[in-house]
Each structure stands twice: as C-alpha cells, then as structure tokens.
Amino acid sequence: MEGSISNYSFKQLVKVSRIDRWEVYRRLQELEIPCQCQTNQELTVEISSIAAAVQVWSIVRQLNAERQDLIEILEECWQYRYQEL
C-alpha cells in the first residue's frame, strides 16, 4: 500500500506543553488523525501513514518554532510558488 508505514499503525506519545496539548489535539481531530488526550496525561497519537507522521510533526513544529522562523518559511514558499508561475 503506497504511503503506509507498514501493514499496521503504531501509537506515539507526543510531548507538548499542557497549554499546547489541547490545541494539537483539536487540530489532529480536524485532520481525522486518531488521538487521545486525558487530563494530566500525554497526548497519544495513532500514526498509520507517512502523511499522518508529517502532519503531526508539522503541527508540533509550528508551536515550537520561533515566529521569525515561521515567517521566513512562509516567505520562501511564496517565492517558490511565484517563481514557478
């Protein structure tokens, strides 16, 4: 199966601050990535594809990155897109 990590999924603990945990949980729910978040517990995410792994990484990275780094990434994306047109 293309894009799968293997024939099974695995659960991964995602370490984020308490403040960010519910925001990550909500975003994963929007993306329909199975996850659990209990009070005073770590966020557990079920990763069943490479796409899901990249989406989890991206969400956590956005919360941990410096604002200026995110601005630079966005500007690079815009420059790349408009160079192609």
PDB file of N, CA and C in Angstrom:
ATOM      1  N   MET A   1       0.845  -1.174   0.000  1.00  0.00           N
ATOM      2  CA  MET A   1       0.000   0.000   0.000  1.00  0.00           C
ATOM      3  C   MET A   1       0.895   1.243   0.000  1.00  0.00           C
ATOM      4  N   GLU A   2       0.706   2.113  -0.974  1.00  0.00           N
ATOM      5  CA  GLU A   2       1.524   3.307  -1.095  1.00  0.00           C
ATOM      6  C   GLU A   2       1.243   4.281   0.043  1.00  0.00           C
ATOM      7  N   GLY A   3       2.315   4.847   0.622  1.00  0.00           N
ATOM      8  CA  GLY A   3       2.168   5.846   1.660  1.00  0.00           C
ATOM      9  C   GLY A   3       2.008   5.290   3.066  1.00  0.00           C
ATOM     10  N   SER A   4       1.919   3.969   3.216  1.00  0.00           N
ATOM     11  CA  SER A   4       1.768   3.417   4.558  1.00  0.00           C
ATOM     12  C   SER A   4       3.139   3.139   5.156  1.00  0.00           C
ATOM     13  N   ILE A   5       3.221   3.202   6.469  1.00  0.00           N
ATOM     14  CA  ILE A   5       4.473   2.937   7.156  1.00  0.00           C
ATOM     15  C   ILE A   5       4.723   1.437   7.193  1.00  0.00           C
ATOM     16  N   SER A   6       3.716   0.667   7.253  1.00  0.00           N
ATOM     17  CA  SER A   6       3.754  -0.788   7.155  1.00  0.00           C
ATOM     18  C   SER A   6       2.313  -1.254   7.126  1.00  0.00           C
ATOM     19  N   ASN A   7       2.084  -2.511   7.440  1.00  0.00           N
ATOM     20  CA  ASN A   7       0.715  -3.019   7.440  1.00  0.00           C
ATOM     21  C   ASN A   7      -0.017  -2.733   8.740  1.00  0.00           C
ATOM     22  N   TYR A   8       0.569  -1.987   9.619  1.00  0.00           N
ATOM     23  CA  TYR A   8      -0.083  -1.672  10.887  1.00  0.00           C
ATOM     24  C   TYR A   8       0.239  -0.242  11.294  1.00  0.00           C
ATOM     25  N   SER A   9      -0.513   0.256  12.225  1.00  0.00           N
ATOM     26  CA  SER A   9      -0.248   1.589  12.758  1.00  0.00           C
ATOM     27  C   SER A   9       0.391   1.442  14.129  1.00  0.00           C
ATOM     28  N   PHE A  10       0.941   2.511  14.627  1.00  0.00           N
ATOM     29  CA  PHE A  10       1.514   2.485  15.969  1.00  0.00           C
ATOM     30  C   PHE A  10       1.119   3.752  16.703  1.00  0.00           C
ATOM     31  N   LYS A  11       1.150   3.662  18.015  1.00  0.00           N
ATOM     32  CA  LYS A  11       0.807   4.820  18.847  1.00  0.00           C
ATOM     33  C   LYS A  11       2.089   5.485  19.306  1.00  0.00           C
ATOM     34  N   GLN A  12       2.053   6.796  19.316  1.00  0.00           N
ATOM     35  CA  GLN A  12       3.211   7.583  19.688  1.00  0.00           C
ATOM     36  C   GLN A  12       2.798   8.635  20.707  1.00  0.00           C
ATOM     37  N   LEU A  13       3.561   8.754  21.786  1.00  0.00           N
ATOM     38  CA  LEU A  13       3.332   9.842  22.731  1.00  0.00           C
ATOM     39  C   LEU A  13       3.926  11.112  22.151  1.00  0.00           C
ATOM     40  N   VAL A  14       3.163  12.172  22.188  1.00  0.00           N
ATOM     41  CA  VAL A  14       3.634  13.459  21.682  1.00  0.00           C
ATOM     42  C   VAL A  14       3.784  14.381  22.873  1.00  0.00           C
ATOM     43  N   LYS A  15       5.007  14.809  23.112  1.00  0.00           N
ATOM     44  CA  LYS A  15       5.277  15.656  24.271  1.00  0.00           C
ATOM     45  C   LYS A  15       5.163  17.126  23.875  1.00  0.00           C
ATOM     46  N   VAL A  16       4.106  17.744  24.362  1.00  0.00           N
ATOM     47  CA  VAL A  16       3.882  19.175  24.190  1.00  0.00           C
ATOM     48  C   VAL A  16       3.414  19.719  25.537  1.00  0.00           C
ATOM     49  N   SER A  17       3.539  21.006  25.702  1.00  0.00           N
ATOM     50  CA  SER A  17       3.136  21.610  26.975  1.00  0.00           C
ATOM     51  C   SER A  17       1.636  21.435  27.193  1.00  0.00           C
ATOM     52  N   ARG A  18       1.220  21.547  28.425  1.00  0.00           N
ATOM     53  CA  ARG A  18      -0.209  21.446  28.749  1.00  0.00           C
ATOM     54  C   ARG A  18      -1.032  22.470  27.993  1.00  0.00           C
ATOM     55  N   ILE A  19      -0.489  23.643  27.848  1.00  0.00           N
ATOM     56  CA  ILE A  19      -1.192  24.719  27.157  1.00  0.00           C
ATOM     57  C   ILE A  19      -1.412  24.359  25.692  1.00  0.00           C
ATOM     58  N   ASP A  20      -0.399  23.792  25.052  1.00  0.00           N
ATOM     59  CA  ASP A  20      -0.475  23.471  23.628  1.00  0.00           C
ATOM     60  C   ASP A  20      -1.163  22.145  23.343  1.00  0.00           C
ATOM     61  N   ARG A  21      -1.230  21.283  24.335  1.00  0.00           N
ATOM     62  CA  ARG A  21      -1.741  19.922  24.136  1.00  0.00           C
ATOM     63  C   ARG A  21      -3.137  19.895  23.526  1.00  0.00           C
ATOM     64  N   TRP A  22      -4.040  20.707  24.048  1.00  0.00           N
ATOM     65  CA  TRP A  22      -5.416  20.682  23.547  1.00  0.00           C
ATOM     66  C   TRP A  22      -5.513  21.291  22.153  1.00  0.00           C
ATOM     67  N   GLU A  23      -4.659  22.254  21.851  1.00  0.00           N
ATOM     68  CA  GLU A  23      -4.634  22.822  20.506  1.00  0.00           C
ATOM     69  C   GLU A  23      -4.157  21.772  19.496  1.00  0.00           C
ATOM     70  N   VAL A  24      -3.122  21.035  19.846  1.00  0.00           N
ATOM     71  CA  VAL A  24      -2.632  19.953  18.979  1.00  0.00           C
ATOM     72  C   VAL A  24      -3.712  18.890  18.825  1.00  0.00           C
ATOM     73  N   TYR A  25      -4.332  18.519  19.925  1.00  0.00           N
ATOM     74  CA  TYR A  25      -5.400  17.510  19.897  1.00  0.00           C
ATOM     75  C   TYR A  25      -6.532  17.941  18.961  1.00  0.00           C
ATOM     76  N   ARG A  26      -6.981  19.177  19.096  1.00  0.00           N
ATOM     77  CA  ARG A  26      -8.067  19.694  18.267  1.00  0.00           C
ATOM     78  C   ARG A  26      -7.690  19.670  16.791  1.00  0.00           C
ATOM     79  N   ARG A  27      -6.464  20.079  16.477  1.00  0.00           N
ATOM     80  CA  ARG A  27      -6.021  20.094  15.077  1.00  0.00           C
ATOM     81  C   ARG A  27      -5.927  18.677  14.515  1.00  0.00           C
ATOM     82  N   LEU A  28      -5.445  17.730  15.309  1.00  0.00           N
ATOM     83  CA  LEU A  28      -5.368  16.343  14.853  1.00  0.00           C
ATOM     84  C   LEU A  28      -6.765  15.783  14.608  1.00  0.00           C
ATOM     85  N   GLN A  29      -7.708  16.158  15.453  1.00  0.00           N
ATOM     86  CA  GLN A  29      -9.097  15.730  15.249  1.00  0.00           C
ATOM     87  C   GLN A  29      -9.632  16.285  13.925  1.00  0.00           C
ATOM     88  N   GLU A  30      -9.334  17.545  13.634  1.00  0.00           N
ATOM     89  CA  GLU A  30      -9.761  18.146  12.373  1.00  0.00           C
ATOM     90  C   GLU A  30      -9.192  17.392  11.174  1.00  0.00           C
ATOM     91  N   LEU A  31      -7.965  16.892  11.309  1.00  0.00           N
ATOM     92  CA  LEU A  31      -7.311  16.149  10.235  1.00  0.00           C
ATOM     93  C   LEU A  31      -7.683  14.668  10.237  1.00  0.00           C
ATOM     94  N   GLU A  32      -8.547  14.289  11.183  1.00  0.00           N
ATOM     95  CA  GLU A  32      -9.011  12.902  11.331  1.00  0.00           C
ATOM     96  C   GLU A  32      -7.861  11.925  11.604  1.00  0.00           C
ATOM     97  N   ILE A  33      -6.907  12.396  12.402  1.00  0.00           N
ATOM     98  CA  ILE A  33      -5.815  11.541  12.859  1.00  0.00           C
ATOM     99  C   ILE A  33      -6.192  11.078  14.260  1.00  0.00           C
ATOM    100  N   PRO A  34      -6.345   9.766  14.462  1.00  0.00           N
ATOM    101  CA  PRO A  34      -6.768   9.264  15.769  1.00  0.00           C
ATOM    102  C   PRO A  34      -5.788   9.663  16.879  1.00  0.00           C
ATOM    103  N   CYS A  35      -6.347  10.205  17.963  1.00  0.00           N
ATOM    104  CA  CYS A  35      -5.520  10.606  19.094  1.00  0.00           C
ATOM    105  C   CYS A  35      -6.359  10.612  20.364  1.00  0.00           C
ATOM    106  N   GLN A  36      -5.658  10.559  21.503  1.00  0.00           N
ATOM    107  CA  GLN A  36      -6.311  10.603  22.804  1.00  0.00           C
ATOM    108  C   GLN A  36      -5.565  11.591  23.683  1.00  0.00           C
ATOM    109  N   CYS A  37      -6.332  12.298  24.480  1.00  0.00           N
ATOM    110  CA  CYS A  37      -5.734  13.254  25.400  1.00  0.00           C
ATOM    111  C   CYS A  37      -6.567  13.267  26.675  1.00  0.00           C
ATOM    112  N   GLN A  38      -6.046  12.671  27.708  1.00  0.00           N
ATOM    113  CA  GLN A  38      -6.714  12.623  29.005  1.00  0.00           C
ATOM    114  C   GLN A  38      -6.151  13.729  29.897  1.00  0.00           C
ATOM    115  N   THR A  39      -6.912  14.154  30.862  1.00  0.00           N
ATOM    116  CA  THR A  39      -6.452  15.168  31.802  1.00  0.00           C
ATOM    117  C   THR A  39      -5.176  14.687  32.490  1.00  0.00           C
ATOM    118  N   ASN A  40      -4.181  15.552  32.542  1.00  0.00           N
ATOM    119  CA  ASN A  40      -2.885  15.283  33.177  1.00  0.00           C
ATOM    120  C   ASN A  40      -2.143  14.107  32.556  1.00  0.00           C
ATOM    121  N   GLN A  41      -2.393  13.816  31.296  1.00  0.00           N
ATOM    122  CA  GLN A  41      -1.703  12.749  30.574  1.00  0.00           C
ATOM    123  C   GLN A  41      -1.101  13.318  29.291  1.00  0.00           C
ATOM    124  N   GLU A  42      -0.134  12.584  28.753  1.00  0.00           N
ATOM    125  CA  GLU A  42       0.443  12.978  27.475  1.00  0.00           C
ATOM    126  C   GLU A  42      -0.557  12.729  26.357  1.00  0.00           C
ATOM    127  N   LEU A  43      -0.379  13.407  25.263  1.00  0.00           N
ATOM    128  CA  LEU A  43      -1.180  13.218  24.062  1.00  0.00           C
ATOM    129  C   LEU A  43      -0.666  11.964  23.350  1.00  0.00           C
ATOM    130  N   THR A  44      -1.563  11.050  23.026  1.00  0.00           N
ATOM    131  CA  THR A  44      -1.211   9.835  22.305  1.00  0.00           C
ATOM    132  C   THR A  44      -1.819   9.911  20.921  1.00  0.00           C
ATOM    133  N   VAL A  45      -0.981   9.686  19.906  1.00  0.00           N
ATOM    134  CA  VAL A  45      -1.427   9.784  18.516  1.00  0.00           C
ATOM    135  C   VAL A  45      -1.203   8.450  17.829  1.00  0.00           C
ATOM    136  N   GLU A  46      -2.189   8.013  17.059  1.00  0.00           N
ATOM    137  CA  GLU A  46      -2.053   6.797  16.264  1.00  0.00           C
ATOM    138  C   GLU A  46      -1.583   7.188  14.870  1.00  0.00           C
ATOM    139  N   ILE A  47      -0.397   6.730  14.518  1.00  0.00           N
ATOM    140  CA  ILE A  47       0.198   7.076  13.230  1.00  0.00           C
ATOM    141  C   ILE A  47       0.131   5.854  12.333  1.00  0.00           C
ATOM    142  N   SER A  48      -0.593   6.001  11.219  1.00  0.00           N
ATOM    143  CA  SER A  48      -0.780   4.866  10.319  1.00  0.00           C
ATOM    144  C   SER A  48      -0.287   5.141   8.908  1.00  0.00           C
ATOM    145  N   SER A  49       0.280   6.318   8.681  1.00  0.00           N
ATOM    146  CA  SER A  49       0.810   6.633   7.352  1.00  0.00           C
ATOM    147  C   SER A  49       1.927   7.670   7.482  1.00  0.00           C
ATOM    148  N   ILE A  50       2.686   7.767   6.432  1.00  0.00           N
ATOM    149  CA  ILE A  50       3.742   8.781   6.401  1.00  0.00           C
ATOM    150  C   ILE A  50       3.117  10.175   6.435  1.00  0.00           C
ATOM    151  N   ALA A  51       2.004  10.339   5.740  1.00  0.00           N
ATOM    152  CA  ALA A  51       1.320  11.640   5.730  1.00  0.00           C
ATOM    153  C   ALA A  51       0.906  12.045   7.144  1.00  0.00           C
ATOM    154  N   ALA A  52       0.376  11.107   7.922  1.00  0.00           N
ATOM    155  CA  ALA A  52      -0.023  11.406   9.303  1.00  0.00           C
ATOM    156  C   ALA A  52       1.193  11.795  10.133  1.00  0.00           C
ATOM    157  N   ALA A  53       2.306  11.090   9.957  1.00  0.00           N
ATOM    158  CA  ALA A  53       3.531  11.404  10.697  1.00  0.00           C
ATOM    159  C   ALA A  53       4.012  12.817  10.366  1.00  0.00           C
ATOM    160  N   VAL A  54       3.973  13.185   9.101  1.00  0.00           N
ATOM    161  CA  VAL A  54       4.408  14.525   8.680  1.00  0.00           C
ATOM    162  C   VAL A  54       3.457  15.585   9.224  1.00  0.00           C
ATOM    163  N   GLN A  55       2.165  15.300   9.229  1.00  0.00           N
ATOM    164  CA  GLN A  55       1.201  16.274   9.748  1.00  0.00           C
ATOM    165  C   GLN A  55       1.405  16.497  11.243  1.00  0.00           C
ATOM    166  N   VAL A  56       1.635  15.428  12.004  1.00  0.00           N
ATOM    167  CA  VAL A  56       1.895  15.574  13.439  1.00  0.00           C
ATOM    168  C   VAL A  56       3.160  16.396  13.646  1.00  0.00           C
ATOM    169  N   TRP A  57       4.203  16.069  12.913  1.00  0.00           N
ATOM    170  CA  TRP A  57       5.470  16.807  13.019  1.00  0.00           C
ATOM    171  C   TRP A  57       5.253  18.282  12.713  1.00  0.00           C
ATOM    172  N   SER A  58       4.502  18.569  11.662  1.00  0.00           N
ATOM    173  CA  SER A  58       4.269  19.949  11.252  1.00  0.00           C
ATOM    174  C   SER A  58       3.506  20.740  12.311  1.00  0.00           C
ATOM    175  N   ILE A  59       2.484  20.132  12.881  1.00  0.00           N
ATOM    176  CA  ILE A  59       1.682  20.806  13.904  1.00  0.00           C
ATOM    177  C   ILE A  59       2.538  21.136  15.127  1.00  0.00           C
ATOM    178  N   VAL A  60       3.312  20.176  15.590  1.00  0.00           N
ATOM    179  CA  VAL A  60       4.157  20.398  16.768  1.00  0.00           C
ATOM    180  C   VAL A  60       5.245  21.419  16.457  1.00  0.00           C
ATOM    181  N   ARG A  61       5.802  21.356  15.265  1.00  0.00           N
ATOM    182  CA  ARG A  61       6.852  22.298  14.872  1.00  0.00           C
ATOM    183  C   ARG A  61       6.328  23.726  14.870  1.00  0.00           C
ATOM    184  N   GLN A  62       5.116  23.919  14.379  1.00  0.00           N
ATOM    185  CA  GLN A  62       4.537  25.264  14.343  1.00  0.00           C
ATOM    186  C   GLN A  62       4.412  25.854  15.741  1.00  0.00           C
ATOM    187  N   LEU A  63       4.146  25.021  16.725  1.00  0.00           N
ATOM    188  CA  LEU A  63       4.001  25.508  18.095  1.00  0.00           C
ATOM    189  C   LEU A  63       5.344  25.814  18.740  1.00  0.00           C
ATOM    190  N   ASN A  64       6.386  25.087  18.328  1.00  0.00           N
ATOM    191  CA  ASN A  64       7.693  25.222  18.965  1.00  0.00           C
ATOM    192  C   ASN A  64       8.641  26.173  18.245  1.00  0.00           C
ATOM    193  N   ALA A  65       8.348  26.486  16.997  1.00  0.00           N
ATOM    194  CA  ALA A  65       9.249  27.336  16.216  1.00  0.00           C
ATOM    195  C   ALA A  65       9.125  28.799  16.637  1.00  0.00           C
ATOM    196  N   GLU A  66      10.196  29.504  16.439  1.00  0.00           N
ATOM    197  CA  GLU A  66      10.184  30.944  16.668  1.00  0.00           C
ATOM    198  C   GLU A  66       9.351  31.607  15.574  1.00  0.00           C
ATOM    199  N   ARG A  67       8.696  32.684  15.913  1.00  0.00           N
ATOM    200  CA  ARG A  67       7.841  33.392  14.956  1.00  0.00           C
ATOM    201  C   ARG A  67       8.612  33.782  13.707  1.00  0.00           C
ATOM    202  N   GLN A  68       9.820  34.286  13.868  1.00  0.00           N
ATOM    203  CA  GLN A  68      10.623  34.724  12.722  1.00  0.00           C
ATOM    204  C   GLN A  68      10.938  33.542  11.795  1.00  0.00           C
ATOM    205  N   ASP A  69      11.204  32.370  12.356  1.00  0.00           N
ATOM    206  CA  ASP A  69      11.464  31.181  11.533  1.00  0.00           C
ATOM    207  C   ASP A  69      10.240  30.828  10.686  1.00  0.00           C
ATOM    208  N   LEU A  70       9.051  30.907  11.278  1.00  0.00           N
ATOM    209  CA  LEU A  70       7.831  30.609  10.540  1.00  0.00           C
ATOM    210  C   LEU A  70       7.590  31.632   9.422  1.00  0.00           C
ATOM    211  N   ILE A  71       7.897  32.887   9.698  1.00  0.00           N
ATOM    212  CA  ILE A  71       7.758  33.937   8.682  1.00  0.00           C
ATOM    213  C   ILE A  71       8.691  33.657   7.509  1.00  0.00           C
ATOM    214  N   GLU A  72       9.932  33.295   7.803  1.00  0.00           N
ATOM    215  CA  GLU A  72      10.899  33.008   6.741  1.00  0.00           C
ATOM    216  C   GLU A  72      10.472  31.814   5.900  1.00  0.00           C
ATOM    217  N   ILE A  73       9.948  30.780   6.532  1.00  0.00           N
ATOM    218  CA  ILE A  73       9.469  29.602   5.792  1.00  0.00           C
ATOM    219  C   ILE A  73       8.318  29.994   4.881  1.00  0.00           C
ATOM    220  N   LEU A  74       7.395  30.771   5.392  1.00  0.00           N
ATOM    221  CA  LEU A  74       6.256  31.219   4.594  1.00  0.00           C
ATOM    222  C   LEU A  74       6.710  32.070   3.412  1.00  0.00           C
ATOM    223  N   GLU A  75       7.649  32.988   3.641  1.00  0.00           N
ATOM    224  CA  GLU A  75       8.161  33.817   2.554  1.00  0.00           C
ATOM    225  C   GLU A  75       8.855  32.973   1.489  1.00  0.00           C
ATOM    226  N   GLU A  76       9.614  31.958   1.904  1.00  0.00           N
ATOM    227  CA  GLU A  76      10.270  31.066   0.945  1.00  0.00           C
ATOM    228  C   GLU A  76       9.236  30.314   0.105  1.00  0.00           C
ATOM    229  N   CYS A  77       8.161  29.872   0.735  1.00  0.00           N
ATOM    230  CA  CYS A  77       7.103  29.174   0.000  1.00  0.00           C
ATOM    231  C   CYS A  77       6.472  30.087  -1.034  1.00  0.00           C
ATOM    232  N   TRP A  78       6.212  31.335  -0.656  1.00  0.00           N
ATOM    233  CA  TRP A  78       5.623  32.293  -1.597  1.00  0.00           C
ATOM    234  C   TRP A  78       6.568  32.542  -2.765  1.00  0.00           C
ATOM    235  N   GLN A  79       7.849  32.742  -2.456  1.00  0.00           N
ATOM    236  CA  GLN A  79       8.831  32.997  -3.521  1.00  0.00           C
ATOM    237  C   GLN A  79       8.901  31.796  -4.469  1.00  0.00           C
ATOM    238  N   TYR A  80       8.918  30.612  -3.940  1.00  0.00           N
ATOM    239  CA  TYR A  80       8.990  29.411  -4.766  1.00  0.00           C
ATOM    240  C   TYR A  80       7.751  29.291  -5.649  1.00  0.00           C
ATOM    241  N   ARG A  81       6.597  29.531  -5.069  1.00  0.00           N
ATOM    242  CA  ARG A  81       5.349  29.426  -5.834  1.00  0.00           C
ATOM    243  C   ARG A  81       5.315  30.424  -6.981  1.00  0.00           C
ATOM    244  N   TYR A  82       5.685  31.655  -6.734  1.00  0.00           N
ATOM    245  CA  TYR A  82       5.583  32.683  -7.762  1.00  0.00           C
ATOM    246  C   TYR A  82       6.726  32.610  -8.765  1.00  0.00           C
ATOM    247  N   GLN A  83       7.818  31.942  -8.458  1.00  0.00           N
ATOM    248  CA  GLN A  83       8.878  31.710  -9.444  1.00  0.00           C
ATOM    249  C   GLN A  83       8.407  30.685 -10.467  1.00  0.00           C
ATOM    250  N   GLU A  84       7.573  29.728 -10.028  1.00  0.00           N
ATOM    251  CA  GLU A  84       7.069  28.685 -10.909  1.00  0.00           C
ATOM    252  C   GLU A  84       6.028  29.215 -11.891  1.00  0.00           C
ATOM    253  N   LEU A  85       5.343  30.305 -11.542  1.00  0.00           N
ATOM    254  CA  LEU A  85       4.293  30.857 -12.409  1.00  0.00           C
ATOM    255  C   LEU A  85       4.925  31.638 -13.481  1.00  0.00           C
TER     256      LEU A  85
END
